[in-house]
C-alpha atoms as a PDB file:
ATOM      1  CA  SER A   1     -72.371   8.503  -1.940  1.00  0.00           C
ATOM      2  CA  ALA A   2     -70.456  11.728  -2.319  1.00  0.00           C
ATOM      3  CA  LYS A   3     -70.192  11.220  -6.069  1.00  0.00           C
ATOM      4  CA  MET A   4     -73.885  10.727  -6.791  1.00  0.00           C
ATOM      5  CA  GLY A   5     -75.191  12.963  -4.031  1.00  0.00           C
ATOM      6  CA  PRO A   6     -78.403  12.784  -2.019  1.00  0.00           C
ATOM      7  CA  MET A   7     -80.763  12.391  -4.948  1.00  0.00           C
ATOM      8  CA  GLN A   8     -83.632  10.063  -5.681  1.00  0.00           C
ATOM      9  CA  TYR A   9     -83.227   8.015  -8.809  1.00  0.00           C
ATOM     10  CA  GLU A  10     -86.254   6.210 -10.109  1.00  0.00           C
ATOM     11  CA  GLY A  11     -85.993   2.736 -11.511  1.00  0.00           C
ATOM     12  CA  ASN A  12     -88.082   1.400 -14.351  1.00  0.00           C
ATOM     13  CA  HIS A  13     -90.891  -0.215 -12.324  1.00  0.00           C
ATOM     14  CA  SER A  14     -94.570   0.383 -12.851  1.00  0.00           C
ATOM     15  CA  MET A  15     -96.861   1.002  -9.902  1.00  0.00           C
ATOM     16  CA  PHE A  16     -98.243  -2.536 -10.283  1.00  0.00           C
ATOM     17  CA  GLY A  17     -94.875  -4.205  -9.796  1.00  0.00           C
ATOM     18  CA  GLY A  18     -94.217  -4.949 -13.457  1.00  0.00           C
ATOM     19  CA  TYR A  19     -91.517  -3.460 -15.600  1.00  0.00           C
ATOM     20  CA  THR A  20     -92.042  -0.687 -18.082  1.00  0.00           C
ATOM     21  CA  THR A  21     -89.917   0.437 -20.987  1.00  0.00           C
ATOM     22  CA  GLN A  22     -90.227   4.108 -20.027  1.00  0.00           C
ATOM     23  CA  LYS A  23     -86.885   5.387 -18.730  1.00  0.00           C
ATOM     24  CA  HIS A  24     -86.687   7.968 -15.979  1.00  0.00           C
ATOM     25  CA  ILE A  25     -82.891   8.277 -15.973  1.00  0.00           C
ATOM     26  CA  SER A  26     -80.356   8.409 -18.765  1.00  0.00           C
ATOM     27  CA  GLU A  27     -78.170   5.471 -19.735  1.00  0.00           C
ATOM     28  CA  GLN A  28     -75.152   7.440 -18.479  1.00  0.00           C
ATOM     29  CA  THR A  29     -76.758   8.054 -15.070  1.00  0.00           C
ATOM     30  CA  ALA A  30     -77.750   4.379 -14.812  1.00  0.00           C
ATOM     31  CA  TYR A  31     -74.177   3.396 -15.699  1.00  0.00           C
ATOM     32  CA  GLU A  32     -72.750   5.770 -13.070  1.00  0.00           C
ATOM     33  CA  LEU A  33     -75.197   4.473 -10.456  1.00  0.00           C
ATOM     34  CA  ASP A  34     -74.223   0.876 -11.200  1.00  0.00           C
ATOM     35  CA  ASN A  35     -70.535   1.730 -10.925  1.00  0.00           C
ATOM     36  CA  GLU A  36     -71.029   3.644  -7.679  1.00  0.00           C
ATOM     37  CA  VAL A  37     -73.042   0.811  -6.100  1.00  0.00           C
ATOM     38  CA  ARG A  38     -70.395  -1.674  -7.222  1.00  0.00           C
ATOM     39  CA  SER A  39     -67.676   0.538  -5.735  1.00  0.00           C
ATOM     40  CA  LEU A  40     -69.523   0.815  -2.404  1.00  0.00           C
ATOM     41  CA  LEU A  41     -70.021  -2.959  -2.263  1.00  0.00           C
ATOM     42  CA  VAL A  42     -66.356  -3.662  -3.025  1.00  0.00           C
ATOM     43  CA  GLU A  43     -65.265  -1.158  -0.363  1.00  0.00           C
ATOM     44  CA  ALA A  44     -67.607  -2.687   2.245  1.00  0.00           C
ATOM     45  CA  HIS A  45     -66.411  -6.186   1.339  1.00  0.00           C
ATOM     46  CA  ASN A  46     -62.769  -5.149   1.707  1.00  0.00           C
ATOM     47  CA  ILE A  47     -63.402  -3.553   5.111  1.00  0.00           C
ATOM     48  CA  ALA A  48     -65.251  -6.669   6.326  1.00  0.00           C
ATOM     49  CA  ALA A  49     -62.445  -8.913   5.051  1.00  0.00           C
ATOM     50  CA  GLU A  50     -59.851  -6.792   6.897  1.00  0.00           C
ATOM     51  CA  ILE A  51     -61.819  -7.026  10.141  1.00  0.00           C
ATOM     52  CA  ILE A  52     -62.206 -10.791   9.822  1.00  0.00           C
ATOM     53  CA  GLN A  53     -58.570 -11.314   8.844  1.00  0.00           C
ATOM     54  CA  GLY A  54     -57.353  -9.022  11.633  1.00  0.00           C
ATOM     55  CA  ASN A  55     -59.207 -11.117  14.207  1.00  0.00           C
ATOM     56  CA  ARG A  56     -58.624 -14.544  12.660  1.00  0.00           C
ATOM     57  CA  GLU A  57     -56.479 -15.860  15.537  1.00  0.00           C
ATOM     58  CA  ARG A  58     -59.114 -14.835  18.085  1.00  0.00           C
ATOM     59  CA  HIS A  59     -61.887 -16.439  16.052  1.00  0.00           C
ATOM     60  CA  GLN A  60     -59.841 -19.628  15.691  1.00  0.00           C
ATOM     61  CA  LEU A  61     -59.236 -19.744  19.440  1.00  0.00           C
ATOM     62  CA  ILE A  62     -62.950 -19.311  20.178  1.00  0.00           C
ATOM     63  CA  ALA A  63     -63.837 -21.962  17.569  1.00  0.00           C
ATOM     64  CA  GLU A  64     -61.420 -24.440  19.161  1.00  0.00           C
ATOM     65  CA  ALA A  65     -62.869 -23.710  22.615  1.00  0.00           C
ATOM     66  CA  LEU A  66     -66.384 -24.296  21.252  1.00  0.00           C
ATOM     67  CA  LEU A  67     -65.292 -27.660  19.860  1.00  0.00           C
ATOM     68  CA  GLN A  68     -63.842 -28.587  23.239  1.00  0.00           C
ATOM     69  CA  TYR A  69     -66.537 -27.201  25.574  1.00  0.00           C
ATOM     70  CA  GLU A  70     -69.554 -27.105  23.180  1.00  0.00           C
ATOM     71  CA  THR A  71     -70.920 -23.933  24.799  1.00  0.00           C
ATOM     72  CA  LEU A  72     -69.313 -20.719  25.981  1.00  0.00           C
ATOM     73  CA  ASP A  73     -70.841 -17.907  27.984  1.00  0.00           C
ATOM     74  CA  SER A  74     -70.151 -14.221  27.465  1.00  0.00           C
ATOM     75  CA  VAL A  75     -67.471 -14.131  30.172  1.00  0.00           C
ATOM     76  CA  GLN A  76     -65.576 -16.995  28.537  1.00  0.00           C
ATOM     77  CA  ILE A  77     -65.851 -15.488  25.050  1.00  0.00           C
ATOM     78  CA  LYS A  78     -64.711 -12.091  26.324  1.00  0.00           C
ATOM     79  CA  SER A  79     -61.771 -13.671  28.151  1.00  0.00           C
ATOM     80  CA  LEU A  80     -60.743 -15.712  25.116  1.00  0.00           C
ATOM     81  CA  TYR A  81     -61.036 -12.655  22.880  1.00  0.00           C
ATOM     82  CA  GLU A  82     -59.138 -10.309  25.191  1.00  0.00           C
ATOM     83  CA  THR A  83     -56.550 -12.595  26.837  1.00  0.00           C
ATOM     84  CA  GLY A  84     -56.484 -15.756  24.748  1.00  0.00           C
ATOM     85  CA  THR A  85     -57.267 -17.915  27.772  1.00  0.00           C
ATOM     86  CA  MET A  86     -60.350 -19.304  29.468  1.00  0.00           C
ATOM     87  CA  PRO A  87     -61.234 -17.505  32.702  1.00  0.00           C
ATOM     88  CA  SER A  88     -60.675 -19.342  35.947  1.00  0.00           C
ATOM     89  CA  GLU A  89     -63.770 -20.186  37.966  1.00  0.00           C
ATOM     90  CA  SER A  90     -62.682 -17.646  40.589  1.00  0.00           C
ATOM     91  CA  GLU A  91     -62.873 -14.908  37.957  1.00  0.00           C
ATOM     92  CA  LYS A  92     -66.585 -15.505  37.546  1.00  0.00           C
ATOM     93  CA  THR A  93     -68.702 -13.682  40.048  1.00  0.00           C
ATOM     94  CA  GLU A  94     -71.981 -15.089  41.316  1.00  0.00           C
ATOM     95  CA  GLU A  95     -73.861 -12.644  39.091  1.00  0.00           C
ATOM     96  CA  GLU A  96     -71.938 -13.687  35.971  1.00  0.00           C
ATOM     97  CA  ALA A  97     -72.321 -17.387  36.738  1.00  0.00           C
ATOM     98  CA  ARG A  98     -76.103 -17.382  36.347  1.00  0.00           C
ATOM     99  CA  PRO A  99     -78.092 -16.012  33.428  1.00  0.00           C
ATOM    100  CA  LEU A 100     -79.959 -12.757  33.996  1.00  0.00           C
ATOM    101  CA  SER A 101     -83.689 -12.472  33.497  1.00  0.00           C
ATOM    102  CA  TYR A 102     -85.162 -10.023  31.000  1.00  0.00           C
ATOM    103  CA  ASP A 103     -86.161  -7.670  33.837  1.00  0.00           C
ATOM    104  CA  GLU A 104     -82.662  -7.820  35.356  1.00  0.00           C
ATOM    105  CA  VAL A 105     -81.045  -6.984  32.025  1.00  0.00           C
ATOM    106  CA  LYS A 106     -83.523  -4.156  31.434  1.00  0.00           C
ATOM    107  CA  GLU A 107     -82.863  -2.711  34.895  1.00  0.00           C
ATOM    108  CA  LYS A 108     -79.109  -3.010  34.430  1.00  0.00           C
ATOM    109  CA  MET A 109     -79.324  -1.221  31.063  1.00  0.00           C
ATOM    110  CA  GLU A 110     -81.418   1.600  32.533  1.00  0.00           C
ATOM    111  CA  HIS A 111     -79.001   2.189  35.412  1.00  0.00           C
ATOM    112  CA  ASP A 112     -75.721   1.766  33.552  1.00  0.00           C
ATOM    113  CA  PRO A 113     -76.113   1.617  29.747  1.00  0.00           C
ATOM    114  CA  GLN A 114     -72.348   2.032  29.184  1.00  0.00           C
ATOM    115  CA  ASN A 115     -71.372  -1.044  31.179  1.00  0.00           C
ATOM    116  CA  SER A 116     -73.890  -3.514  29.779  1.00  0.00           C
END
């Protein structure tokens, strides 16, 4: 983090995996590290919660479609996510209708990595 900087802080582990009573950092530094880790975790949790909450309606729609159809392919999930509706069969191309092999996916990624 910006507060603690790019430093290496040693814990109190021995080289054999046990714990030792020898301290390599001060109580104050340990306290600050704990607080900084806690702060980073809370921030990450809040960001994740915002993302989930911001997409709740889309997730609910996909969950309901899964209950109805049991399986969804990537085209259906993308359509539900972007438009809120299932794609019509005419929207699926022949290529999208069948699963690609590993070699086909690899070739597609090599030729057009942005569109895969």
